[in-house]
């Protein structure tokens, strides 16, 4: 059994949060509008998720961690999203986020884009996840729907997950375009929360679409590094970077400030319907980029299988 630690976030009202984000985004984007709306039906395009919404008992799970990947991989670290759903006290949870694929299942290292309605007493799991890996044929991006090849809900090493009951409800809608500041969209949101709420950690998750423009995305190589990766420079030389085009559907997990659980405070993976996806870094077309996002503040944090030996390398 992996050790599970639990923490209650500060949970502002949606109206308050919308106001805070609106004000902060104006410093990083030429145009930004934040409002409280009904969650769109996420079973529809472009999401095609197995659940209608991202509301109901919202929570964040930080599972494993980068220290299980770097400096050298610990391949025995594997997890199951159905078990995670129980660990976070929400069996049958609808889970979105960013993680690493299970090399035990795939035979290679790859980016995992989890989109899973975990199994419950009444229903089997529905796995709508994607995997992004380096295409052995042309060294480009190979994005595949997980369920076309695999029937499990396993992942490896690390994941940052936003979980809810998958219900419709009120959410924060964020529209932002023409980036004027240095921060990427997710870092901007996180730093706004950190600046405003300070010592009171706020968690937030959901989904956003890069509707226009291009983004810098990485995919881990299929082979784990045989040499220890000890610095961010080592890691960046090992990763494969791409410029990918909109529309990209992204799944951010954001924590304004680590309350002492060795968290990855922001992590975002994305997929598309045109064969591109991976780990989001930033848009590369600030003058033309357009973001549309739907977010919910999380009530609880669950830290699962926290690494005993840790470091801060490779966390951007």
Foldseek 3Di string as FASTA:
>chain_A
DWDKDKDFFDADDQVVLQVLLQVLVVVWFVDKHKDKDKAQQQCDPPRVAPFGAQAAQKEKEKEADCVCQFQHHDLVFKDAVQVVCVSVVHHQKFKFWWDWARCVVVVFTWIKTWGKRPDDPVGHIDTQIKTWAQDPVPRHIFIDGPVVPDDGRMGGRIIMMIIRNRHIDMWMKMKGAQTDDDAAPQVSSLQSCCVVVPPRKWKKWFKKWFAFAKFKFKIAHGHRDPGGQDAQVSVVVRIDIDIGTDGKMKIKIAINDDPPQPGLHIWMWIDGPVRDIHTTDHGPCNRGIMMITIMHIHGMYMYTNYDPDDDDHPRD
